[in-house]
Amino acid sequence: MSLIDKLQWRYATKKMDASKHVPEDKIDLILEAIRLTASSSGLQPYEVIVITNKGIRQKIRAAANDQSQIADCSHLLVFAAWDNYTAERINAAFDMTESIRNFTSESGTAYRQMLLKVYPARDAETNFTHAAKQAYIGLGTALIAAAYEQVDCTPMEGFNPSAVDDILDLPAKGLRSVILLPLGYRNADEDWLVKLKKVRRAKDQFISWIK
């Protein structure tokens, strides 16, 4: 199957088979794809929490409109964004870049100083919103990587973020939950959506060219 074939195959799975476990090598590939994806200024201002503990997943299910995929999936990913941009976080990102690349540059130093001037001066909610958008880039990469590995998934915004934050003690880590992504395998016998055709707008209604 080509990548496009696999993207045609994927859909937002409504019922997962709780008896099936996604192999760790597939999970590792999906997580590595997320880690390698793009983010604004290379800051990676979010983390991915992988939950296999059934008790914790049941608590999250209760905070997520009782969506069964959370309990029935193999692995639950929680994308959690930084609650704010701080000088410490920005400096840590730039220090890591300079250490790995083993050099500093005037342009890099100037860019660091620009971010240090602009980001921490903004209010925390503005910064969280910006960080959350970066988490969605990671989500998009996860959806493609999961399709490539033919692992089913369902992106979920329908949950109580504050409740999930409390369950996972995210405030203590300076994080706030943004989106959930159960990974697993579809229960084709019980999922009402599995046999329905994928519906997307036609190319000429979705893509335009300026030449």
N, C-alpha and C. Protein backbone atom coordinates (compact mmCIF):
# COMPACT_ATOMS: atom_id res chain seq x y z
N MET A 1 0.84 -1.19 0.00
CA MET A 1 0.00 0.00 0.00
C MET A 1 0.88 1.25 0.00
N SER A 2 0.51 2.21 -0.82
CA SER A 2 1.20 3.50 -0.82
C SER A 2 0.75 4.31 0.38
N LEU A 3 1.45 5.41 0.65
CA LEU A 3 1.05 6.29 1.75
C LEU A 3 -0.38 6.77 1.56
N ILE A 4 -0.73 7.16 0.32
CA ILE A 4 -2.09 7.64 0.06
C ILE A 4 -3.11 6.53 0.30
N ASP A 5 -2.78 5.30 -0.09
CA ASP A 5 -3.67 4.18 0.18
C ASP A 5 -3.90 4.02 1.68
N LYS A 6 -2.84 4.18 2.45
CA LYS A 6 -2.96 4.03 3.90
C LYS A 6 -3.75 5.17 4.52
N LEU A 7 -3.63 6.38 3.95
CA LEU A 7 -4.43 7.50 4.44
C LEU A 7 -5.90 7.32 4.06
N GLN A 8 -6.14 6.68 2.93
CA GLN A 8 -7.52 6.32 2.57
C GLN A 8 -8.07 5.28 3.55
N TRP A 9 -7.21 4.41 4.02
CA TRP A 9 -7.60 3.31 4.93
C TRP A 9 -7.96 3.84 6.31
N ARG A 10 -7.25 4.87 6.78
CA ARG A 10 -7.45 5.34 8.14
C ARG A 10 -8.76 6.11 8.30
N TYR A 11 -9.28 6.08 9.48
CA TYR A 11 -10.47 6.86 9.83
C TYR A 11 -10.48 7.02 11.34
N ALA A 12 -11.34 7.86 11.85
CA ALA A 12 -11.42 8.06 13.30
C ALA A 12 -12.17 6.89 13.91
N THR A 13 -11.42 5.93 14.40
CA THR A 13 -11.99 4.68 14.87
C THR A 13 -12.91 4.91 16.07
N LYS A 14 -14.13 4.39 15.96
CA LYS A 14 -15.13 4.60 17.01
C LYS A 14 -15.20 3.46 18.01
N LYS A 15 -14.75 2.28 17.61
CA LYS A 15 -14.77 1.13 18.52
C LYS A 15 -13.49 0.33 18.31
N MET A 16 -12.71 0.18 19.38
CA MET A 16 -11.46 -0.55 19.29
C MET A 16 -11.58 -1.92 19.93
N ASP A 17 -10.73 -2.82 19.49
CA ASP A 17 -10.68 -4.19 20.00
C ASP A 17 -9.74 -4.21 21.20
N ALA A 18 -10.29 -4.32 22.39
CA ALA A 18 -9.50 -4.25 23.61
C ALA A 18 -8.54 -5.43 23.77
N SER A 19 -8.76 -6.49 23.00
CA SER A 19 -7.92 -7.68 23.12
C SER A 19 -6.63 -7.57 22.31
N LYS A 20 -6.53 -6.56 21.46
CA LYS A 20 -5.37 -6.44 20.58
C LYS A 20 -4.39 -5.39 21.09
N HIS A 21 -3.12 -5.72 21.04
CA HIS A 21 -2.05 -4.85 21.54
C HIS A 21 -1.17 -4.42 20.37
N VAL A 22 -0.87 -3.14 20.29
CA VAL A 22 0.01 -2.64 19.24
C VAL A 22 1.45 -2.98 19.62
N PRO A 23 2.20 -3.61 18.73
CA PRO A 23 3.60 -3.95 19.03
C PRO A 23 4.41 -2.70 19.38
N GLU A 24 5.35 -2.89 20.28
CA GLU A 24 6.13 -1.75 20.77
C GLU A 24 6.94 -1.08 19.66
N ASP A 25 7.37 -1.86 18.66
CA ASP A 25 8.16 -1.22 17.59
C ASP A 25 7.32 -0.25 16.79
N LYS A 26 6.03 -0.53 16.65
CA LYS A 26 5.14 0.40 15.95
C LYS A 26 4.88 1.65 16.80
N ILE A 27 4.69 1.45 18.10
CA ILE A 27 4.51 2.59 19.00
C ILE A 27 5.76 3.46 18.98
N ASP A 28 6.93 2.82 19.03
CA ASP A 28 8.19 3.57 19.02
C ASP A 28 8.33 4.40 17.75
N LEU A 29 7.93 3.83 16.62
CA LEU A 29 8.03 4.57 15.35
C LEU A 29 7.11 5.78 15.36
N ILE A 30 5.89 5.61 15.84
CA ILE A 30 4.94 6.73 15.89
C ILE A 30 5.46 7.83 16.81
N LEU A 31 5.99 7.44 17.97
CA LEU A 31 6.51 8.43 18.91
C LEU A 31 7.74 9.13 18.35
N GLU A 32 8.58 8.39 17.64
CA GLU A 32 9.77 9.02 17.07
C GLU A 32 9.39 9.99 15.96
N ALA A 33 8.35 9.65 15.19
CA ALA A 33 7.87 10.56 14.15
C ALA A 33 7.39 11.87 14.78
N ILE A 34 6.69 11.76 15.92
CA ILE A 34 6.24 12.97 16.62
C ILE A 34 7.44 13.78 17.09
N ARG A 35 8.42 13.09 17.68
CA ARG A 35 9.60 13.78 18.21
C ARG A 35 10.36 14.52 17.11
N LEU A 36 10.37 13.97 15.91
CA LEU A 36 11.14 14.55 14.81
C LEU A 36 10.37 15.60 14.01
N THR A 37 9.11 15.81 14.33
CA THR A 37 8.30 16.72 13.52
C THR A 37 8.66 18.19 13.79
N ALA A 38 8.10 19.06 12.99
CA ALA A 38 8.40 20.49 13.08
C ALA A 38 7.74 21.13 14.30
N SER A 39 8.37 22.23 14.77
CA SER A 39 7.74 23.09 15.77
C SER A 39 8.31 24.48 15.62
N SER A 40 7.55 25.47 16.03
CA SER A 40 7.96 26.86 15.89
C SER A 40 9.26 27.12 16.63
N SER A 41 10.24 27.64 15.92
CA SER A 41 11.57 27.96 16.47
C SER A 41 12.29 26.74 17.03
N GLY A 42 11.79 25.56 16.71
CA GLY A 42 12.40 24.33 17.19
C GLY A 42 12.30 24.13 18.69
N LEU A 43 11.34 24.79 19.34
CA LEU A 43 11.25 24.76 20.80
C LEU A 43 10.60 23.47 21.33
N GLN A 44 9.83 22.78 20.49
CA GLN A 44 9.09 21.59 20.94
C GLN A 44 8.36 21.86 22.26
N PRO A 45 7.44 22.82 22.27
CA PRO A 45 6.85 23.27 23.54
C PRO A 45 5.69 22.39 24.03
N TYR A 46 5.86 21.10 23.95
CA TYR A 46 4.85 20.17 24.45
C TYR A 46 5.51 18.83 24.71
N GLU A 47 4.81 17.98 25.41
CA GLU A 47 5.29 16.63 25.68
C GLU A 47 4.20 15.63 25.32
N VAL A 48 4.60 14.40 25.10
CA VAL A 48 3.65 13.32 24.82
C VAL A 48 3.73 12.32 25.97
N ILE A 49 2.59 12.07 26.58
CA ILE A 49 2.51 11.12 27.70
C ILE A 49 1.82 9.87 27.19
N VAL A 50 2.46 8.73 27.33
CA VAL A 50 1.93 7.44 26.85
C VAL A 50 1.37 6.69 28.05
N ILE A 51 0.09 6.36 27.98
CA ILE A 51 -0.58 5.72 29.12
C ILE A 51 -1.08 4.33 28.73
N THR A 52 -0.57 3.33 29.42
CA THR A 52 -1.07 1.95 29.25
C THR A 52 -1.81 1.49 30.51
N ASN A 53 -1.62 2.18 31.64
CA ASN A 53 -2.27 1.83 32.88
C ASN A 53 -3.79 1.90 32.74
N LYS A 54 -4.46 0.77 32.96
CA LYS A 54 -5.90 0.70 32.73
C LYS A 54 -6.69 1.54 33.72
N GLY A 55 -6.23 1.61 34.96
CA GLY A 55 -6.94 2.39 35.96
C GLY A 55 -6.92 3.87 35.64
N ILE A 56 -5.78 4.37 35.22
CA ILE A 56 -5.68 5.78 34.85
C ILE A 56 -6.51 6.06 33.60
N ARG A 57 -6.50 5.13 32.66
CA ARG A 57 -7.29 5.34 31.44
C ARG A 57 -8.79 5.36 31.75
N GLN A 58 -9.22 4.57 32.72
CA GLN A 58 -10.63 4.61 33.11
C GLN A 58 -10.99 5.96 33.71
N LYS A 59 -10.08 6.54 34.49
CA LYS A 59 -10.32 7.87 35.06
C LYS A 59 -10.42 8.91 33.94
N ILE A 60 -9.53 8.80 32.96
CA ILE A 60 -9.56 9.75 31.85
C ILE A 60 -10.83 9.56 31.03
N ARG A 61 -11.25 8.31 30.84
CA ARG A 61 -12.50 8.04 30.12
C ARG A 61 -13.67 8.76 30.77
N ALA A 62 -13.71 8.74 32.10
CA ALA A 62 -14.80 9.41 32.82
C ALA A 62 -14.75 10.92 32.61
N ALA A 63 -13.57 11.45 32.32
CA ALA A 63 -13.42 12.89 32.07
C ALA A 63 -13.51 13.22 30.59
N ALA A 64 -13.83 12.21 29.78
CA ALA A 64 -13.85 12.38 28.32
C ALA A 64 -15.14 11.84 27.72
N ASN A 65 -16.24 12.19 28.36
CA ASN A 65 -17.56 11.83 27.83
C ASN A 65 -17.73 10.33 27.62
N ASP A 66 -17.06 9.53 28.44
CA ASP A 66 -17.20 8.07 28.42
C ASP A 66 -16.87 7.46 27.06
N GLN A 67 -15.91 8.04 26.35
CA GLN A 67 -15.53 7.50 25.05
C GLN A 67 -14.74 6.21 25.25
N SER A 68 -15.28 5.11 24.71
CA SER A 68 -14.75 3.78 25.01
C SER A 68 -13.35 3.54 24.47
N GLN A 69 -12.96 4.27 23.41
CA GLN A 69 -11.63 4.04 22.82
C GLN A 69 -10.52 4.28 23.84
N ILE A 70 -10.76 5.16 24.80
CA ILE A 70 -9.73 5.49 25.78
C ILE A 70 -9.38 4.27 26.63
N ALA A 71 -10.40 3.48 26.96
CA ALA A 71 -10.17 2.27 27.76
C ALA A 71 -9.80 1.07 26.89
N ASP A 72 -10.34 1.00 25.69
CA ASP A 72 -10.16 -0.18 24.84
C ASP A 72 -8.92 -0.13 23.96
N CYS A 73 -8.28 1.03 23.86
CA CYS A 73 -7.10 1.14 23.01
C CYS A 73 -5.92 0.40 23.63
N SER A 74 -4.87 0.28 22.85
CA SER A 74 -3.64 -0.34 23.34
C SER A 74 -2.79 0.66 24.11
N HIS A 75 -2.63 1.84 23.55
CA HIS A 75 -1.83 2.92 24.16
C HIS A 75 -2.60 4.23 23.99
N LEU A 76 -2.65 5.02 25.03
CA LEU A 76 -3.29 6.33 24.97
C LEU A 76 -2.21 7.40 25.01
N LEU A 77 -2.18 8.25 23.98
CA LEU A 77 -1.25 9.37 23.96
C LEU A 77 -1.97 10.63 24.43
N VAL A 78 -1.34 11.36 25.32
CA VAL A 78 -1.85 12.66 25.75
C VAL A 78 -0.82 13.70 25.33
N PHE A 79 -1.25 14.62 24.47
CA PHE A 79 -0.39 15.74 24.06
C PHE A 79 -0.61 16.86 25.07
N ALA A 80 0.47 17.24 25.76
CA ALA A 80 0.37 18.25 26.81
C ALA A 80 1.33 19.39 26.51
N ALA A 81 0.79 20.59 26.34
CA ALA A 81 1.59 21.75 25.96
C ALA A 81 2.12 22.49 27.19
N TRP A 82 3.23 23.19 26.98
CA TRP A 82 3.74 24.06 28.04
C TRP A 82 2.65 25.06 28.45
N ASP A 83 2.57 25.31 29.73
CA ASP A 83 1.57 26.28 30.19
C ASP A 83 2.02 27.72 29.97
N ASN A 84 3.32 27.91 29.67
CA ASN A 84 3.84 29.25 29.42
C ASN A 84 5.24 29.13 28.82
N TYR A 85 5.68 30.17 28.15
CA TYR A 85 7.07 30.24 27.71
C TYR A 85 7.85 31.01 28.77
N THR A 86 8.93 30.42 29.25
CA THR A 86 9.77 31.08 30.23
C THR A 86 11.19 31.21 29.68
N ALA A 87 11.96 32.10 30.29
CA ALA A 87 13.35 32.25 29.89
C ALA A 87 14.10 30.94 30.04
N GLU A 88 13.78 30.20 31.11
CA GLU A 88 14.46 28.93 31.35
C GLU A 88 14.19 27.93 30.23
N ARG A 89 12.96 27.85 29.79
CA ARG A 89 12.61 26.90 28.73
C ARG A 89 13.23 27.31 27.40
N ILE A 90 13.19 28.58 27.10
CA ILE A 90 13.76 29.06 25.84
C ILE A 90 15.27 28.85 25.83
N ASN A 91 15.92 29.22 26.92
CA ASN A 91 17.37 29.05 27.00
C ASN A 91 17.77 27.58 26.92
N ALA A 92 17.01 26.71 27.55
CA ALA A 92 17.32 25.28 27.51
C ALA A 92 17.29 24.75 26.08
N ALA A 93 16.30 25.20 25.30
CA ALA A 93 16.19 24.76 23.90
C ALA A 93 17.38 25.23 23.08
N PHE A 94 17.75 26.49 23.25
CA PHE A 94 18.88 27.03 22.48
C PHE A 94 20.21 26.44 22.96
N ASP A 95 20.35 26.23 24.26
CA ASP A 95 21.56 25.60 24.78
C ASP A 95 21.74 24.20 24.20
N MET A 96 20.64 23.44 24.12
CA MET A 96 20.70 22.10 23.55
C MET A 96 21.14 22.15 22.09
N THR A 97 20.58 23.08 21.32
CA THR A 97 20.94 23.21 19.91
C THR A 97 22.43 23.50 19.75
N GLU A 98 22.93 24.44 20.55
CA GLU A 98 24.34 24.80 20.46
C GLU A 98 25.24 23.65 20.88
N SER A 99 24.79 22.88 21.88
CA SER A 99 25.59 21.75 22.34
C SER A 99 25.66 20.65 21.29
N ILE A 100 24.50 20.32 20.69
CA ILE A 100 24.46 19.25 19.70
C ILE A 100 25.22 19.65 18.43
N ARG A 101 25.06 20.91 18.01
CA ARG A 101 25.73 21.35 16.78
C ARG A 101 27.17 21.82 17.03
N ASN A 102 27.50 21.99 18.29
CA ASN A 102 28.87 22.33 18.70
C ASN A 102 29.36 23.65 18.11
N PHE A 103 28.44 24.61 18.01
CA PHE A 103 28.85 25.96 17.63
C PHE A 103 27.76 26.95 17.99
N THR A 104 28.16 28.21 18.10
CA THR A 104 27.21 29.31 18.28
C THR A 104 27.37 30.26 17.10
N SER A 105 26.34 31.03 16.85
CA SER A 105 26.40 31.99 15.75
C SER A 105 25.75 33.29 16.18
N GLU A 106 26.13 34.35 15.51
CA GLU A 106 25.54 35.65 15.84
C GLU A 106 24.04 35.65 15.57
N SER A 107 23.67 35.03 14.46
CA SER A 107 22.24 35.01 14.11
C SER A 107 21.45 34.19 15.13
N GLY A 108 22.04 33.06 15.58
CA GLY A 108 21.36 32.23 16.58
C GLY A 108 21.23 32.95 17.91
N THR A 109 22.27 33.63 18.31
CA THR A 109 22.23 34.40 19.55
C THR A 109 21.21 35.52 19.47
N ALA A 110 21.16 36.20 18.33
CA ALA A 110 20.20 37.29 18.14
C ALA A 110 18.77 36.76 18.17
N TYR A 111 18.57 35.59 17.58
CA TYR A 111 17.22 35.01 17.56
C TYR A 111 16.80 34.60 18.97
N ARG A 112 17.74 34.03 19.73
CA ARG A 112 17.46 33.67 21.11
C ARG A 112 17.03 34.90 21.91
N GLN A 113 17.76 35.99 21.76
CA GLN A 113 17.46 37.21 22.51
C GLN A 113 16.12 37.80 22.10
N MET A 114 15.78 37.66 20.82
CA MET A 114 14.47 38.14 20.36
C MET A 114 13.35 37.37 21.03
N LEU A 115 13.47 36.03 21.06
CA LEU A 115 12.44 35.23 21.71
C LEU A 115 12.37 35.53 23.21
N LEU A 116 13.52 35.70 23.84
CA LEU A 116 13.54 36.01 25.27
C LEU A 116 12.88 37.35 25.57
N LYS A 117 12.95 38.25 24.63
CA LYS A 117 12.31 39.55 24.81
C LYS A 117 10.81 39.49 24.58
N VAL A 118 10.39 38.71 23.58
CA VAL A 118 8.98 38.73 23.17
C VAL A 118 8.12 37.72 23.94
N TYR A 119 8.56 36.46 24.02
CA TYR A 119 7.68 35.41 24.55
C TYR A 119 7.36 35.55 26.04
N PRO A 120 8.36 35.67 26.93
CA PRO A 120 8.01 35.75 28.35
C PRO A 120 7.21 37.00 28.71
N ALA A 121 7.26 38.02 27.87
CA ALA A 121 6.51 39.25 28.15
C ALA A 121 5.02 39.10 27.86
N ARG A 122 4.65 38.08 27.08
CA ARG A 122 3.24 37.88 26.75
C ARG A 122 2.53 37.19 27.91
N ASP A 123 1.20 37.31 27.93
CA ASP A 123 0.46 36.65 29.00
C ASP A 123 0.49 35.13 28.80
N ALA A 124 0.32 34.40 29.89
CA ALA A 124 0.48 32.94 29.88
C ALA A 124 -0.51 32.26 28.94
N GLU A 125 -1.74 32.77 28.87
CA GLU A 125 -2.74 32.12 28.02
C GLU A 125 -2.38 32.25 26.55
N THR A 126 -1.87 33.40 26.15
CA THR A 126 -1.40 33.57 24.76
C THR A 126 -0.29 32.58 24.45
N ASN A 127 0.64 32.43 25.38
CA ASN A 127 1.75 31.52 25.17
C ASN A 127 1.28 30.06 25.15
N PHE A 128 0.34 29.71 26.03
CA PHE A 128 -0.18 28.34 26.01
C PHE A 128 -0.87 28.05 24.68
N THR A 129 -1.65 29.00 24.19
CA THR A 129 -2.34 28.80 22.91
C THR A 129 -1.34 28.56 21.79
N HIS A 130 -0.25 29.31 21.79
CA HIS A 130 0.79 29.11 20.77
C HIS A 130 1.43 27.73 20.92
N ALA A 131 1.73 27.32 22.14
CA ALA A 131 2.32 26.01 22.37
C ALA A 131 1.37 24.89 21.96
N ALA A 132 0.08 25.09 22.25
CA ALA A 132 -0.91 24.07 21.89
C ALA A 132 -0.98 23.87 20.38
N LYS A 133 -0.81 24.95 19.63
CA LYS A 133 -0.81 24.82 18.16
C LYS A 133 0.36 23.95 17.70
N GLN A 134 1.48 24.02 18.40
CA GLN A 134 2.62 23.18 18.05
C GLN A 134 2.31 21.71 18.34
N ALA A 135 1.56 21.48 19.40
CA ALA A 135 1.16 20.11 19.72
C ALA A 135 0.30 19.52 18.61
N TYR A 136 -0.51 20.36 17.99
CA TYR A 136 -1.35 19.88 16.89
C TYR A 136 -0.52 19.50 15.66
N ILE A 137 0.63 20.14 15.49
CA ILE A 137 1.53 19.70 14.42
C ILE A 137 1.99 18.27 14.72
N GLY A 138 2.33 18.04 15.98
CA GLY A 138 2.71 16.69 16.39
C GLY A 138 1.59 15.69 16.19
N LEU A 139 0.37 16.12 16.49
CA LEU A 139 -0.78 15.24 16.28
C LEU A 139 -0.91 14.85 14.81
N GLY A 140 -0.78 15.83 13.92
CA GLY A 140 -0.89 15.52 12.49
C GLY A 140 0.14 14.50 12.05
N THR A 141 1.37 14.67 12.55
CA THR A 141 2.41 13.70 12.23
C THR A 141 2.06 12.33 12.79
N ALA A 142 1.50 12.29 14.00
CA ALA A 142 1.11 11.01 14.61
C ALA A 142 0.05 10.30 13.79
N LEU A 143 -0.91 11.05 13.27
CA LEU A 143 -1.97 10.44 12.45
C LEU A 143 -1.39 9.79 11.20
N ILE A 144 -0.45 10.48 10.56
CA ILE A 144 0.16 9.94 9.35
C ILE A 144 1.03 8.73 9.68
N ALA A 145 1.82 8.84 10.76
CA ALA A 145 2.69 7.73 11.14
C ALA A 145 1.87 6.50 11.52
N ALA A 146 0.77 6.70 12.24
CA ALA A 146 -0.09 5.58 12.62
C ALA A 146 -0.69 4.92 11.38
N ALA A 147 -1.14 5.73 10.43
CA ALA A 147 -1.67 5.17 9.19
C ALA A 147 -0.60 4.38 8.45
N TYR A 148 0.61 4.90 8.42
CA TYR A 148 1.73 4.22 7.76
C TYR A 148 1.95 2.85 8.36
N GLU A 149 1.80 2.75 9.69
CA GLU A 149 1.99 1.48 10.39
C GLU A 149 0.70 0.67 10.46
N GLN A 150 -0.38 1.19 9.87
CA GLN A 150 -1.71 0.57 9.92
C GLN A 150 -2.15 0.29 11.36
N VAL A 151 -1.97 1.33 12.16
CA VAL A 151 -2.47 1.35 13.53
C VAL A 151 -3.63 2.32 13.57
N ASP A 152 -4.73 1.89 14.14
CA ASP A 152 -5.90 2.76 14.21
C ASP A 152 -5.77 3.79 15.33
N CYS A 153 -6.43 4.93 15.15
CA CYS A 153 -6.37 5.98 16.16
C CYS A 153 -7.57 6.90 16.02
N THR A 154 -7.77 7.69 17.06
CA THR A 154 -8.89 8.63 17.10
C THR A 154 -8.48 9.89 17.83
N PRO A 155 -8.26 11.01 17.12
CA PRO A 155 -7.95 12.25 17.84
C PRO A 155 -9.18 12.75 18.59
N MET A 156 -8.97 13.14 19.84
CA MET A 156 -10.10 13.53 20.70
C MET A 156 -9.88 14.86 21.37
N GLU A 157 -10.79 15.79 21.12
CA GLU A 157 -10.83 17.06 21.86
C GLU A 157 -11.95 17.05 22.89
N GLY A 158 -12.84 16.07 22.81
CA GLY A 158 -14.01 16.02 23.68
C GLY A 158 -13.70 15.48 25.06
N PHE A 159 -12.97 16.27 25.84
CA PHE A 159 -12.66 15.87 27.21
C PHE A 159 -12.51 17.11 28.07
N ASN A 160 -12.50 16.91 29.36
CA ASN A 160 -12.34 18.01 30.32
C ASN A 160 -10.85 18.17 30.60
N PRO A 161 -10.19 19.17 30.00
CA PRO A 161 -8.75 19.30 30.18
C PRO A 161 -8.32 19.47 31.63
N SER A 162 -9.06 20.25 32.39
CA SER A 162 -8.69 20.46 33.79
C SER A 162 -8.71 19.16 34.58
N ALA A 163 -9.71 18.32 34.30
CA ALA A 163 -9.80 17.04 35.00
C ALA A 163 -8.65 16.13 34.61
N VAL A 164 -8.32 16.08 33.33
CA VAL A 164 -7.19 15.25 32.87
C VAL A 164 -5.88 15.78 33.45
N ASP A 165 -5.75 17.11 33.48
CA ASP A 165 -4.55 17.71 34.08
C ASP A 165 -4.38 17.25 35.52
N ASP A 166 -5.48 17.22 36.26
CA ASP A 166 -5.41 16.80 37.67
C ASP A 166 -5.07 15.31 37.79
N ILE A 167 -5.67 14.49 36.93
CA ILE A 167 -5.41 13.05 36.97
C ILE A 167 -3.93 12.76 36.75
N LEU A 168 -3.32 13.50 35.83
CA LEU A 168 -1.92 13.27 35.47
C LEU A 168 -0.94 14.19 36.19
N ASP A 169 -1.46 15.03 37.09
CA ASP A 169 -0.63 15.98 37.84
C ASP A 169 0.20 16.87 36.91
N LEU A 170 -0.43 17.33 35.84
CA LEU A 170 0.29 18.13 34.85
C LEU A 170 0.68 19.52 35.34
N PRO A 171 -0.13 20.19 36.16
CA PRO A 171 0.28 21.54 36.61
C PRO A 171 1.65 21.54 37.29
N ALA A 172 1.98 20.46 37.99
CA ALA A 172 3.27 20.38 38.68
C ALA A 172 4.43 20.33 37.69
N LYS A 173 4.12 19.94 36.45
CA LYS A 173 5.14 19.85 35.40
C LYS A 173 5.10 21.05 34.46
N GLY A 174 4.22 22.01 34.75
CA GLY A 174 4.09 23.18 33.87
C GLY A 174 3.47 22.83 32.54
N LEU A 175 2.53 21.86 32.55
CA LEU A 175 1.90 21.39 31.32
C LEU A 175 0.38 21.47 31.44
N ARG A 176 -0.28 21.52 30.27
CA ARG A 176 -1.75 21.45 30.19
C ARG A 176 -2.12 20.55 29.04
N SER A 177 -3.07 19.65 29.26
CA SER A 177 -3.48 18.70 28.22
C SER A 177 -4.17 19.43 27.09
N VAL A 178 -3.91 18.96 25.87
CA VAL A 178 -4.44 19.61 24.66
C VAL A 178 -5.33 18.66 23.88
N ILE A 179 -4.86 17.46 23.64
CA ILE A 179 -5.63 16.50 22.84
C ILE A 179 -5.22 15.09 23.22
N LEU A 180 -6.16 14.15 23.06
CA LEU A 180 -5.92 12.74 23.34
C LEU A 180 -5.87 11.97 22.04
N LEU A 181 -5.04 10.91 22.00
CA LEU A 181 -4.95 10.07 20.81
C LEU A 181 -4.83 8.60 21.22
N PRO A 182 -5.97 7.89 21.29
CA PRO A 182 -5.90 6.45 21.52
C PRO A 182 -5.33 5.75 20.28
N LEU A 183 -4.43 4.78 20.50
CA LEU A 183 -3.85 3.96 19.44
C LEU A 183 -4.24 2.52 19.69
N GLY A 184 -4.66 1.83 18.65
CA GLY A 184 -5.04 0.43 18.81
C GLY A 184 -5.48 -0.16 17.49
N TYR A 185 -6.42 -1.10 17.57
CA TYR A 185 -6.93 -1.75 16.36
C TYR A 185 -8.45 -1.75 16.39
N ARG A 186 -9.03 -1.47 15.27
CA ARG A 186 -10.48 -1.37 15.14
C ARG A 186 -11.19 -2.68 15.44
N ASN A 187 -12.36 -2.56 16.02
CA ASN A 187 -13.28 -3.69 16.16
C ASN A 187 -14.27 -3.57 15.01
N ALA A 188 -13.95 -4.23 13.90
CA ALA A 188 -14.73 -4.05 12.67
C ALA A 188 -16.17 -4.53 12.80
N ASP A 189 -16.42 -5.43 13.74
CA ASP A 189 -17.78 -5.97 13.91
C ASP A 189 -18.70 -5.00 14.65
N GLU A 190 -18.12 -4.09 15.41
CA GLU A 190 -18.93 -3.21 16.25
C GLU A 190 -18.81 -1.74 15.91
N ASP A 191 -17.90 -1.39 15.01
CA ASP A 191 -17.68 0.02 14.67
C ASP A 191 -18.58 0.42 13.51
N TRP A 192 -19.52 1.30 13.77
CA TRP A 192 -20.49 1.70 12.75
C TRP A 192 -19.85 2.47 11.60
N LEU A 193 -18.68 3.06 11.83
CA LEU A 193 -18.07 3.92 10.82
C LEU A 193 -17.15 3.16 9.86
N VAL A 194 -16.75 1.95 10.23
CA VAL A 194 -15.67 1.27 9.52
C VAL A 194 -15.97 1.02 8.04
N LYS A 195 -17.23 0.77 7.69
CA LYS A 195 -17.55 0.42 6.31
C LYS A 195 -18.06 1.60 5.48
N LEU A 196 -18.14 2.76 6.08
CA LEU A 196 -18.63 3.92 5.35
C LEU A 196 -17.51 4.55 4.53
N LYS A 197 -17.86 5.10 3.39
CA LYS A 197 -16.87 5.73 2.53
C LYS A 197 -16.28 6.96 3.18
N LYS A 198 -14.99 7.17 2.95
CA LYS A 198 -14.33 8.39 3.42
C LYS A 198 -14.88 9.58 2.63
N VAL A 199 -15.21 10.64 3.31
CA VAL A 199 -15.78 11.83 2.67
C VAL A 199 -14.82 13.01 2.84
N ARG A 200 -14.35 13.52 1.72
CA ARG A 200 -13.50 14.70 1.71
C ARG A 200 -13.91 15.58 0.53
N ARG A 201 -13.69 16.88 0.65
CA ARG A 201 -14.00 17.77 -0.46
C ARG A 201 -13.14 17.43 -1.66
N ALA A 202 -13.69 17.67 -2.86
CA ALA A 202 -12.95 17.43 -4.09
C ALA A 202 -11.74 18.35 -4.17
N LYS A 203 -10.71 17.92 -4.89
CA LYS A 203 -9.48 18.71 -4.98
C LYS A 203 -9.74 20.13 -5.45
N ASP A 204 -10.61 20.28 -6.47
CA ASP A 204 -10.83 21.62 -7.02
C ASP A 204 -11.63 22.51 -6.07
N GLN A 205 -12.20 21.94 -5.02
CA GLN A 205 -12.91 22.72 -4.01
C GLN A 205 -12.05 22.94 -2.75
N PHE A 206 -10.87 22.34 -2.75
CA PHE A 206 -10.02 22.36 -1.57
C PHE A 206 -8.65 22.98 -1.82
N ILE A 207 -8.14 22.79 -3.03
CA ILE A 207 -6.80 23.26 -3.38
C ILE A 207 -6.89 24.28 -4.50
N SER A 208 -6.20 25.40 -4.32
CA SER A 208 -6.14 26.39 -5.38
C SER A 208 -4.67 26.70 -5.66
N TRP A 209 -4.40 27.11 -6.88
CA TRP A 209 -3.03 27.40 -7.32
C TRP A 209 -2.90 28.87 -7.69
N ILE A 210 -1.79 29.45 -7.31
CA ILE A 210 -1.45 30.80 -7.77
C ILE A 210 -0.13 30.70 -8.51
N LYS A 211 -0.17 30.94 -9.82
CA LYS A 211 1.03 30.75 -10.64
C LYS A 211 1.51 32.08 -11.20
